[in-house]
PDB file of N, CA and C in Angstrom:
ATOM      1  N   UNK A   1     147.151-203.839 -81.839  1.00  0.00           N
ATOM      2  CA  UNK A   1     145.730-204.148 -81.697  1.00  0.00           C
ATOM      3  C   UNK A   1     145.380-204.220 -80.212  1.00  0.00           C
ATOM      4  N   UNK A   2     144.189-203.791 -79.856  1.00  0.00           N
ATOM      5  CA  UNK A   2     143.803-203.803 -78.443  1.00  0.00           C
ATOM      6  C   UNK A   2     143.191-205.140 -78.036  1.00  0.00           C
ATOM      7  N   UNK A   3     142.924-205.284 -76.739  1.00  0.00           N
ATOM      8  CA  UNK A   3     142.415-206.555 -76.212  1.00  0.00           C
ATOM      9  C   UNK A   3     140.915-206.708 -76.412  1.00  0.00           C
ATOM     10  N   UNK A   4     140.240-205.639 -76.767  1.00  0.00           N
ATOM     11  CA  UNK A   4     138.792-205.691 -76.927  1.00  0.00           C
ATOM     12  C   UNK A   4     138.439-206.578 -78.123  1.00  0.00           C
ATOM     13  N   UNK A   5     137.494-207.497 -77.899  1.00  0.00           N
ATOM     14  CA  UNK A   5     137.089-208.391 -78.978  1.00  0.00           C
ATOM     15  C   UNK A   5     136.427-207.596 -80.106  1.00  0.00           C
ATOM     16  N   UNK A   6     136.856-207.869 -81.327  1.00  0.00           N
ATOM     17  CA  UNK A   6     136.247-207.227 -82.482  1.00  0.00           C
ATOM     18  C   UNK A   6     134.907-207.901 -82.759  1.00  0.00           C
ATOM     19  N   UNK A   7     133.876-207.104 -82.924  1.00  0.00           N
ATOM     20  CA  UNK A   7     132.546-207.636 -83.196  1.00  0.00           C
ATOM     21  C   UNK A   7     132.362-207.829 -84.701  1.00  0.00           C
ATOM     22  N   UNK A   8     132.122-209.048 -85.086  1.00  0.00           N
ATOM     23  CA  UNK A   8     131.875-209.385 -86.489  1.00  0.00           C
ATOM     24  C   UNK A   8     130.379-209.485 -86.722  1.00  0.00           C
ATOM     25  N   UNK A   9     129.967-209.076 -87.906  1.00  0.00           N
ATOM     26  CA  UNK A   9     128.558-209.156 -88.296  1.00  0.00           C
ATOM     27  C   UNK A   9     128.422-209.952 -89.580  1.00  0.00           C
ATOM     28  N   UNK A  10     127.261-210.530 -89.747  1.00  0.00           N
ATOM     29  CA  UNK A  10     126.921-211.252 -90.969  1.00  0.00           C
ATOM     30  C   UNK A  10     125.911-210.405 -91.729  1.00  0.00           C
ATOM     31  N   UNK A  11     126.001-210.412 -93.062  1.00  0.00           N
ATOM     32  CA  UNK A  11     125.061-209.624 -93.855  1.00  0.00           C
ATOM     33  C   UNK A  11     124.661-210.370 -95.117  1.00  0.00           C
ATOM     34  N   UNK A  12     123.499-210.014 -95.641  1.00  0.00           N
ATOM     35  CA  UNK A  12     123.031-210.523 -96.932  1.00  0.00           C
ATOM     36  C   UNK A  12     122.709-209.327 -97.808  1.00  0.00           C
ATOM     37  N   UNK A  13     123.197-209.381 -99.048  1.00  0.00           N
ATOM     38  CA  UNK A  13     122.946-208.327-100.024  1.00  0.00           C
ATOM     39  C   UNK A  13     122.092-208.910-101.142  1.00  0.00           C
ATOM     40  N   UNK A  14     121.046-208.165-101.497  1.00  0.00           N
ATOM     41  CA  UNK A  14     120.180-208.577-102.602  1.00  0.00           C
ATOM     42  C   UNK A  14     120.633-207.873-103.877  1.00  0.00           C
ATOM     43  N   UNK A  15     120.787-208.648-104.950  1.00  0.00           N
ATOM     44  CA  UNK A  15     121.184-208.086-106.240  1.00  0.00           C
ATOM     45  C   UNK A  15     119.935-207.748-107.056  1.00  0.00           C
ATOM     46  N   UNK A  16     120.144-207.093-108.191  1.00  0.00           N
ATOM     47  CA  UNK A  16     119.025-206.689-109.043  1.00  0.00           C
ATOM     48  C   UNK A  16     118.222-207.887-109.539  1.00  0.00           C
ATOM     49  N   UNK A  17     118.877-209.061-109.690  1.00  0.00           N
ATOM     50  CA  UNK A  17     118.155-210.256-110.153  1.00  0.00           C
ATOM     51  C   UNK A  17     117.546-211.047-108.990  1.00  0.00           C
ATOM     52  N   UNK A  18     117.506-210.427-107.795  1.00  0.00           N
ATOM     53  CA  UNK A  18     116.871-210.977-106.597  1.00  0.00           C
ATOM     54  C   UNK A  18     117.656-212.112-105.931  1.00  0.00           C
ATOM     55  N   UNK A  19     118.928-212.314-106.311  1.00  0.00           N
ATOM     56  CA  UNK A  19     119.716-213.322-105.604  1.00  0.00           C
ATOM     57  C   UNK A  19     120.274-212.690-104.328  1.00  0.00           C
ATOM     58  N   UNK A  20     120.692-213.543-103.397  1.00  0.00           N
ATOM     59  CA  UNK A  20     121.205-213.070-102.120  1.00  0.00           C
ATOM     60  C   UNK A  20     122.659-213.503-101.955  1.00  0.00           C
ATOM     61  N   UNK A  21     123.512-212.543-101.623  1.00  0.00           N
ATOM     62  CA  UNK A  21     124.927-212.778-101.376  1.00  0.00           C
ATOM     63  C   UNK A  21     125.152-212.693 -99.873  1.00  0.00           C
ATOM     64  N   UNK A  22     125.910-213.619 -99.311  1.00  0.00           N
ATOM     65  CA  UNK A  22     126.172-213.648 -97.871  1.00  0.00           C
ATOM     66  C   UNK A  22     127.634-213.340 -97.600  1.00  0.00           C
ATOM     67  N   UNK A  23     127.891-212.504 -96.597  1.00  0.00           N
ATOM     68  CA  UNK A  23     129.264-212.185 -96.219  1.00  0.00           C
ATOM     69  C   UNK A  23     129.354-211.805 -94.756  1.00  0.00           C
ATOM     70  N   UNK A  24     130.606-211.630 -94.297  1.00  0.00           N
ATOM     71  CA  UNK A  24     130.847-211.185 -92.922  1.00  0.00           C
ATOM     72  C   UNK A  24     131.800-209.995 -92.956  1.00  0.00           C
ATOM     73  N   UNK A  25     131.726-209.166 -91.927  1.00  0.00           N
ATOM     74  CA  UNK A  25     132.574-207.983 -91.830  1.00  0.00           C
ATOM     75  C   UNK A  25     132.540-207.436 -90.412  1.00  0.00           C
ATOM     76  N   UNK A  26     133.456-206.537 -90.127  1.00  0.00           N
ATOM     77  CA  UNK A  26     133.426-205.830 -88.843  1.00  0.00           C
ATOM     78  C   UNK A  26     132.708-204.496 -88.978  1.00  0.00           C
ATOM     79  N   UNK A  27     132.397-204.088 -90.221  1.00  0.00           N
ATOM     80  CA  UNK A  27     131.722-202.808 -90.454  1.00  0.00           C
ATOM     81  C   UNK A  27     130.792-202.962 -91.668  1.00  0.00           C
ATOM     82  N   UNK A  28     129.531-203.254 -91.404  1.00  0.00           N
ATOM     83  CA  UNK A  28     128.570-203.540 -92.470  1.00  0.00           C
ATOM     84  C   UNK A  28     128.412-202.355 -93.419  1.00  0.00           C
ATOM     85  N   UNK A  29     128.297-201.145 -92.890  1.00  0.00           N
ATOM     86  CA  UNK A  29     128.098-199.971 -93.744  1.00  0.00           C
ATOM     87  C   UNK A  29     129.278-199.780 -94.700  1.00  0.00           C
ATOM     88  N   UNK A  30     130.498-199.863 -94.168  1.00  0.00           N
ATOM     89  CA  UNK A  30     131.691-199.717 -95.001  1.00  0.00           C
ATOM     90  C   UNK A  30     131.752-200.798 -96.068  1.00  0.00           C
ATOM     91  N   UNK A  31     131.474-202.031 -95.683  1.00  0.00           N
ATOM     92  CA  UNK A  31     131.556-203.153 -96.622  1.00  0.00           C
ATOM     93  C   UNK A  31     130.499-203.030 -97.719  1.00  0.00           C
ATOM     94  N   UNK A  32     129.303-202.602 -97.342  1.00  0.00           N
ATOM     95  CA  UNK A  32     128.240-202.433 -98.339  1.00  0.00           C
ATOM     96  C   UNK A  32     128.641-201.369 -99.367  1.00  0.00           C
ATOM     97  N   UNK A  33     129.226-200.278 -98.905  1.00  0.00           N
ATOM     98  CA  UNK A  33     129.697-199.224 -99.820  1.00  0.00           C
ATOM     99  C   UNK A  33     130.768-199.792-100.751  1.00  0.00           C
ATOM    100  N   UNK A  34     131.655-200.623-100.221  1.00  0.00           N
ATOM    101  CA  UNK A  34     132.677-201.256-101.068  1.00  0.00           C
ATOM    102  C   UNK A  34     132.015-202.100-102.153  1.00  0.00           C
ATOM    103  N   UNK A  35     131.024-202.879-101.776  1.00  0.00           N
ATOM    104  CA  UNK A  35     130.318-203.708-102.763  1.00  0.00           C
ATOM    105  C   UNK A  35     129.643-202.828-103.814  1.00  0.00           C
ATOM    106  N   UNK A  36     128.984-201.769-103.390  1.00  0.00           N
ATOM    107  CA  UNK A  36     128.287-200.879-104.325  1.00  0.00           C
ATOM    108  C   UNK A  36     129.244-200.219-105.317  1.00  0.00           C
ATOM    109  N   UNK A  37     130.459-199.932-104.863  1.00  0.00           N
ATOM    110  CA  UNK A  37     131.428-199.245-105.728  1.00  0.00           C
ATOM    111  C   UNK A  37     132.240-200.223-106.567  1.00  0.00           C
ATOM    112  N   UNK A  38     131.947-201.544-106.460  1.00  0.00           N
ATOM    113  CA  UNK A  38     132.659-202.535-107.257  1.00  0.00           C
ATOM    114  C   UNK A  38     133.985-202.964-106.653  1.00  0.00           C
ATOM    115  N   UNK A  39     134.259-202.541-105.420  1.00  0.00           N
ATOM    116  CA  UNK A  39     135.516-202.894-104.764  1.00  0.00           C
ATOM    117  C   UNK A  39     135.348-204.045-103.768  1.00  0.00           C
ATOM    118  N   UNK A  40     134.164-204.622-103.719  1.00  0.00           N
ATOM    119  CA  UNK A  40     133.905-205.745-102.824  1.00  0.00           C
ATOM    120  C   UNK A  40     134.112-207.058-103.546  1.00  0.00           C
ATOM    121  N   UNK A  41     133.290-208.018-103.250  1.00  0.00           N
ATOM    122  CA  UNK A  41     133.396-209.356-103.834  1.00  0.00           C
ATOM    123  C   UNK A  41     133.160-209.335-105.335  1.00  0.00           C
ATOM    124  N   UNK A  42     133.960-210.092-106.055  1.00  0.00           N
ATOM    125  CA  UNK A  42     133.798-210.204-107.511  1.00  0.00           C
ATOM    126  C   UNK A  42     132.409-210.721-107.879  1.00  0.00           C
ATOM    127  N   UNK A  43     131.853-211.558-107.026  1.00  0.00           N
ATOM    128  CA  UNK A  43     130.535-212.150-107.292  1.00  0.00           C
ATOM    129  C   UNK A  43     129.437-211.097-107.441  1.00  0.00           C
ATOM    130  N   UNK A  44     129.655-209.909-106.886  1.00  0.00           N
ATOM    131  CA  UNK A  44     128.628-208.862-106.939  1.00  0.00           C
ATOM    132  C   UNK A  44     128.875-207.826-108.023  1.00  0.00           C
ATOM    133  N   UNK A  45     130.011-207.873-108.652  1.00  0.00           N
ATOM    134  CA  UNK A  45     130.330-206.874-109.685  1.00  0.00           C
ATOM    135  C   UNK A  45     129.447-207.062-110.902  1.00  0.00           C
ATOM    136  N   UNK A  46     128.869-205.961-111.368  1.00  0.00           N
ATOM    137  CA  UNK A  46     128.019-206.003-112.552  1.00  0.00           C
ATOM    138  C   UNK A  46     126.655-206.615-112.317  1.00  0.00           C
ATOM    139  N   UNK A  47     126.245-206.725-111.061  1.00  0.00           N
ATOM    140  CA  UNK A  47     124.950-207.338-110.729  1.00  0.00           C
ATOM    141  C   UNK A  47     123.832-206.320-110.597  1.00  0.00           C
ATOM    142  N   UNK A  48     124.100-205.075-110.984  1.00  0.00           N
ATOM    143  CA  UNK A  48     123.059-204.049-110.908  1.00  0.00           C
ATOM    144  C   UNK A  48     122.944-203.469-109.512  1.00  0.00           C
ATOM    145  N   UNK A  49     121.783-202.900-109.242  1.00  0.00           N
ATOM    146  CA  UNK A  49     121.556-202.262-107.945  1.00  0.00           C
ATOM    147  C   UNK A  49     121.618-203.280-106.815  1.00  0.00           C
ATOM    148  N   UNK A  50     122.330-202.922-105.762  1.00  0.00           N
ATOM    149  CA  UNK A  50     122.458-203.786-104.590  1.00  0.00           C
ATOM    150  C   UNK A  50     121.704-203.156-103.425  1.00  0.00           C
ATOM    151  N   UNK A  51     121.053-204.002-102.642  1.00  0.00           N
ATOM    152  CA  UNK A  51     120.406-203.514-101.428  1.00  0.00           C
ATOM    153  C   UNK A  51     120.818-204.409-100.272  1.00  0.00           C
ATOM    154  N   UNK A  52     121.010-203.797 -99.124  1.00  0.00           N
ATOM    155  CA  UNK A  52     121.336-204.563 -97.930  1.00  0.00           C
ATOM    156  C   UNK A  52     120.040-205.182 -97.426  1.00  0.00           C
ATOM    157  N   UNK A  53     119.938-206.496 -97.507  1.00  0.00           N
ATOM    158  CA  UNK A  53     118.697-207.184 -97.155  1.00  0.00           C
ATOM    159  C   UNK A  53     118.642-207.567 -95.682  1.00  0.00           C
ATOM    160  N   UNK A  54     119.830-207.811 -95.079  1.00  0.00           N
ATOM    161  CA  UNK A  54     119.857-208.299 -93.701  1.00  0.00           C
ATOM    162  C   UNK A  54     121.255-208.087 -93.136  1.00  0.00           C
ATOM    163  N   UNK A  55     121.329-207.745 -91.863  1.00  0.00           N
ATOM    164  CA  UNK A  55     122.609-207.764 -91.154  1.00  0.00           C
ATOM    165  C   UNK A  55     122.337-207.968 -89.679  1.00  0.00           C
ATOM    166  N   UNK A  56     123.273-208.638 -89.023  1.00  0.00           N
ATOM    167  CA  UNK A  56     123.140-208.877 -87.589  1.00  0.00           C
ATOM    168  C   UNK A  56     124.510-209.153 -87.002  1.00  0.00           C
ATOM    169  N   UNK A  57     124.754-208.676 -85.795  1.00  0.00           N
ATOM    170  CA  UNK A  57     126.024-208.975 -85.130  1.00  0.00           C
ATOM    171  C   UNK A  57     126.091-210.459 -84.767  1.00  0.00           C
ATOM    172  N   UNK A  58     127.295-211.020 -84.874  1.00  0.00           N
ATOM    173  CA  UNK A  58     127.473-212.441 -84.574  1.00  0.00           C
ATOM    174  C   UNK A  58     128.400-212.633 -83.382  1.00  0.00           C
ATOM    175  N   UNK A  59     129.507-211.925 -83.362  1.00  0.00           N
ATOM    176  CA  UNK A  59     130.487-212.089 -82.284  1.00  0.00           C
ATOM    177  C   UNK A  59     131.882-212.172 -82.857  1.00  0.00           C
ATOM    178  N   UNK A  60     132.644-213.153 -82.402  1.00  0.00           N
ATOM    179  CA  UNK A  60     134.026-213.272 -82.872  1.00  0.00           C
ATOM    180  C   UNK A  60     134.094-213.835 -84.287  1.00  0.00           C
ATOM    181  N   UNK A  61     135.246-213.638 -84.930  1.00  0.00           N
ATOM    182  CA  UNK A  61     135.417-213.982 -86.339  1.00  0.00           C
ATOM    183  C   UNK A  61     135.152-215.460 -86.630  1.00  0.00           C
ATOM    184  N   UNK A  62     135.652-216.355 -85.789  1.00  0.00           N
ATOM    185  CA  UNK A  62     135.471-217.786 -86.064  1.00  0.00           C
ATOM    186  C   UNK A  62     133.994-218.164 -86.076  1.00  0.00           C
ATOM    187  N   UNK A  63     133.217-217.595 -85.172  1.00  0.00           N
ATOM    188  CA  UNK A  63     131.774-217.856 -85.140  1.00  0.00           C
ATOM    189  C   UNK A  63     131.106-217.261 -86.384  1.00  0.00           C
ATOM    190  N   UNK A  64     131.542-216.065 -86.772  1.00  0.00           N
ATOM    191  CA  UNK A  64     130.981-215.420 -87.968  1.00  0.00           C
ATOM    192  C   UNK A  64     131.264-216.263 -89.214  1.00  0.00           C
ATOM    193  N   UNK A  65     132.456-216.812 -89.315  1.00  0.00           N
ATOM    194  CA  UNK A  65     132.805-217.661 -90.459  1.00  0.00           C
ATOM    195  C   UNK A  65     131.940-218.922 -90.500  1.00  0.00           C
ATOM    196  N   UNK A  66     131.731-219.525 -89.352  1.00  0.00           N
ATOM    197  CA  UNK A  66     130.886-220.733 -89.295  1.00  0.00           C
ATOM    198  C   UNK A  66     129.440-220.397 -89.639  1.00  0.00           C
ATOM    199  N   UNK A  67     128.980-219.252 -89.155  1.00  0.00           N
ATOM    200  CA  UNK A  67     127.607-218.811 -89.442  1.00  0.00           C
ATOM    201  C   UNK A  67     127.451-218.524 -90.942  1.00  0.00           C
ATOM    202  N   UNK A  68     128.439-217.862 -91.531  1.00  0.00           N
ATOM    203  CA  UNK A  68     128.406-217.573 -92.968  1.00  0.00           C
ATOM    204  C   UNK A  68     128.311-218.872 -93.764  1.00  0.00           C
ATOM    205  N   UNK A  69     129.102-219.855 -93.391  1.00  0.00           N
ATOM    206  CA  UNK A  69     129.075-221.148 -94.082  1.00  0.00           C
ATOM    207  C   UNK A  69     127.691-221.776 -93.982  1.00  0.00           C
ATOM    208  N   UNK A  70     127.118-221.783 -92.773  1.00  0.00           N
ATOM    209  CA  UNK A  70     125.790-222.362 -92.562  1.00  0.00           C
ATOM    210  C   UNK A  70     124.734-221.690 -93.436  1.00  0.00           C
ATOM    211  N   UNK A  71     124.777-220.366 -93.486  1.00  0.00           N
ATOM    212  CA  UNK A  71     123.769-219.633 -94.252  1.00  0.00           C
ATOM    213  C   UNK A  71     123.939-219.874 -95.741  1.00  0.00           C
ATOM    214  N   UNK A  72     125.171-219.999 -96.190  1.00  0.00           N
ATOM    215  CA  UNK A  72     125.407-220.280 -97.614  1.00  0.00           C
ATOM    216  C   UNK A  72     124.871-221.653 -98.003  1.00  0.00           C
ATOM    217  N   UNK A  73     124.675-222.537 -97.037  1.00  0.00           N
ATOM    218  CA  UNK A  73     124.114-223.868 -97.306  1.00  0.00           C
ATOM    219  C   UNK A  73     122.592-223.857 -97.394  1.00  0.00           C
ATOM    220  N   UNK A  74     121.964-222.784 -96.946  1.00  0.00           N
ATOM    221  CA  UNK A  74     120.500-222.705 -96.952  1.00  0.00           C
ATOM    222  C   UNK A  74     119.971-222.573 -98.377  1.00  0.00           C
ATOM    223  N   UNK A  75     118.740-222.978 -98.558  1.00  0.00           N
ATOM    224  CA  UNK A  75     118.071-222.786 -99.850  1.00  0.00           C
ATOM    225  C   UNK A  75     117.675-221.318 -99.967  1.00  0.00           C
ATOM    226  N   UNK A  76     117.330-220.905-101.161  1.00  0.00           N
ATOM    227  CA  UNK A  76     116.877-219.522-101.386  1.00  0.00           C
ATOM    228  C   UNK A  76     115.661-219.224-100.509  1.00  0.00           C
ATOM    229  N   UNK A  77     114.744-220.172-100.450  1.00  0.00           N
ATOM    230  CA  UNK A  77     113.532-219.979 -99.645  1.00  0.00           C
ATOM    231  C   UNK A  77     113.891-219.778 -98.161  1.00  0.00           C
ATOM    232  N   UNK A  78     114.826-220.568 -97.650  1.00  0.00           N
ATOM    233  CA  UNK A  78     115.247-220.425 -96.256  1.00  0.00           C
ATOM    234  C   UNK A  78     115.933-219.077 -96.025  1.00  0.00           C
ATOM    235  N   UNK A  79     116.751-218.650 -96.992  1.00  0.00           N
ATOM    236  CA  UNK A  79     117.404-217.344 -96.862  1.00  0.00           C
ATOM    237  C   UNK A  79     116.360-216.223 -96.860  1.00  0.00           C
ATOM    238  N   UNK A  80     115.330-216.360 -97.680  1.00  0.00           N
ATOM    239  CA  UNK A  80     114.258-215.349 -97.701  1.00  0.00           C
ATOM    240  C   UNK A  80     113.542-215.308 -96.352  1.00  0.00           C
ATOM    241  N   UNK A  81     113.349-216.464 -95.742  1.00  0.00           N
ATOM    242  CA  UNK A  81     112.726-216.507 -94.413  1.00  0.00           C
ATOM    243  C   UNK A  81     113.634-215.834 -93.382  1.00  0.00           C
ATOM    244  N   UNK A  82     114.930-216.051 -93.501  1.00  0.00           N
ATOM    245  CA  UNK A  82     115.891-215.417 -92.598  1.00  0.00           C
ATOM    246  C   UNK A  82     115.796-213.898 -92.736  1.00  0.00           C
ATOM    247  N   UNK A  83     115.788-213.406 -93.977  1.00  0.00           N
ATOM    248  CA  UNK A  83     115.679-211.968 -94.245  1.00  0.00           C
ATOM    249  C   UNK A  83     114.375-211.413 -93.667  1.00  0.00           C
ATOM    250  N   UNK A  84     113.300-212.205 -93.750  1.00  0.00           N
ATOM    251  CA  UNK A  84     111.999-211.778 -93.233  1.00  0.00           C
ATOM    252  C   UNK A  84     111.960-211.758 -91.704  1.00  0.00           C
ATOM    253  N   UNK A  85     112.974-212.344 -91.074  1.00  0.00           N
ATOM    254  CA  UNK A  85     113.064-212.306 -89.615  1.00  0.00           C
ATOM    255  C   UNK A  85     112.237-213.346 -88.901  1.00  0.00           C
ATOM    256  N   UNK A  86     112.187-214.552 -89.460  1.00  0.00           N
ATOM    257  CA  UNK A  86     111.347-215.583 -88.844  1.00  0.00           C
ATOM    258  C   UNK A  86     112.054-216.417 -87.775  1.00  0.00           C
ATOM    259  N   UNK A  87     113.261-216.034 -87.387  1.00  0.00           N
ATOM    260  CA  UNK A  87     113.954-216.745 -86.310  1.00  0.00           C
ATOM    261  C   UNK A  87     115.007-217.733 -86.763  1.00  0.00           C
ATOM    262  N   UNK A  88     115.154-217.941 -88.065  1.00  0.00           N
ATOM    263  CA  UNK A  88     116.173-218.880 -88.552  1.00  0.00           C
ATOM    264  C   UNK A  88     117.567-218.433 -88.136  1.00  0.00           C
ATOM    265  N   UNK A  89     117.864-217.144 -88.265  1.00  0.00           N
ATOM    266  CA  UNK A  89     119.191-216.640 -87.910  1.00  0.00           C
ATOM    267  C   UNK A  89     119.502-216.955 -86.456  1.00  0.00           C
ATOM    268  N   UNK A  90     118.578-216.627 -85.587  1.00  0.00           N
ATOM    269  CA  UNK A  90     118.787-216.845 -84.157  1.00  0.00           C
ATOM    270  C   UNK A  90     118.968-218.330 -83.842  1.00  0.00           C
ATOM    271  N   UNK A  91     118.177-219.180 -84.481  1.00  0.00           N
ATOM    272  CA  UNK A  91     118.277-220.623 -84.251  1.00  0.00           C
ATOM    273  C   UNK A  91     119.628-221.161 -84.712  1.00  0.00           C
ATOM    274  N   UNK A  92     120.086-220.718 -85.888  1.00  0.00           N
ATOM    275  CA  UNK A  92     121.394-221.158 -86.381  1.00  0.00           C
ATOM    276  C   UNK A  92     122.516-220.688 -85.461  1.00  0.00           C
ATOM    277  N   UNK A  93     122.443-219.433 -85.045  1.00  0.00           N
ATOM    278  CA  UNK A  93     123.469-218.875 -84.170  1.00  0.00           C
ATOM    279  C   UNK A  93     123.487-219.612 -82.839  1.00  0.00           C
ATOM    280  N   UNK A  94     122.322-219.832 -82.269  1.00  0.00           N
ATOM    281  CA  UNK A  94     122.233-220.558 -80.990  1.00  0.00           C
ATOM    282  C   UNK A  94     122.813-221.959 -81.125  1.00  0.00           C
ATOM    283  N   UNK A  95     122.499-222.623 -82.252  1.00  0.00           N
ATOM    284  CA  UNK A  95     123.030-223.964 -82.484  1.00  0.00           C
ATOM    285  C   UNK A  95     124.547-223.995 -82.552  1.00  0.00           C
ATOM    286  N   UNK A  96     125.146-222.998 -83.163  1.00  0.00           N
ATOM    287  CA  UNK A  96     126.611-222.934 -83.267  1.00  0.00           C
ATOM    288  C   UNK A  96     127.241-222.603 -81.928  1.00  0.00           C
ATOM    289  N   UNK A  97     126.625-221.692 -81.181  1.00  0.00           N
ATOM    290  CA  UNK A  97     127.163-221.306 -79.865  1.00  0.00           C
ATOM    291  C   UNK A  97     127.066-222.490 -78.924  1.00  0.00           C
ATOM    292  N   UNK A  98     125.943-223.190 -78.928  1.00  0.00           N
ATOM    293  CA  UNK A  98     125.749-224.351 -78.061  1.00  0.00           C
ATOM    294  C   UNK A  98     126.731-225.463 -78.420  1.00  0.00           C
ATOM    295  N   UNK A  99     126.946-225.687 -79.721  1.00  0.00           N
ATOM    296  CA  UNK A  99     127.865-226.737 -80.170  1.00  0.00           C
ATOM    297  C   UNK A  99     129.296-226.447 -79.745  1.00  0.00           C
ATOM    298  N   UNK A 100     129.638-225.159 -79.599  1.00  0.00           N
ATOM    299  CA  UNK A 100     130.991-224.778 -79.233  1.00  0.00           C
ATOM    300  C   UNK A 100     131.254-224.964 -77.738  1.00  0.00           C
ATOM    301  N   UNK A 101     130.189-225.030 -76.940  1.00  0.00           N
ATOM    302  CA  UNK A 101     130.340-225.187 -75.474  1.00  0.00           C
ATOM    303  C   UNK A 101     130.750-226.575 -75.077  1.00  0.00           C
TER     304      UNK A 101
END
């Protein structure tokens, strides 16, 4: 493995029943294809058509994991606001980065 930091991203996938699944990966496009083909998370299997609702780069894996946990704690309404781009993602990320300093 090289010394270059791997960039992790966070993503939300919308299922046919309008629920939102949150995950992290180093390659959003590849991971989304895995989910669509049934080779991703068991939670998404058999959920009908999937759409990528949101994705954004986070940074290193540990930060991505903490961000994923935070987003999974949000209410559906808060997640919808995040998807709409109202600044929740940036605020959560800033809060985690600041807390780590």
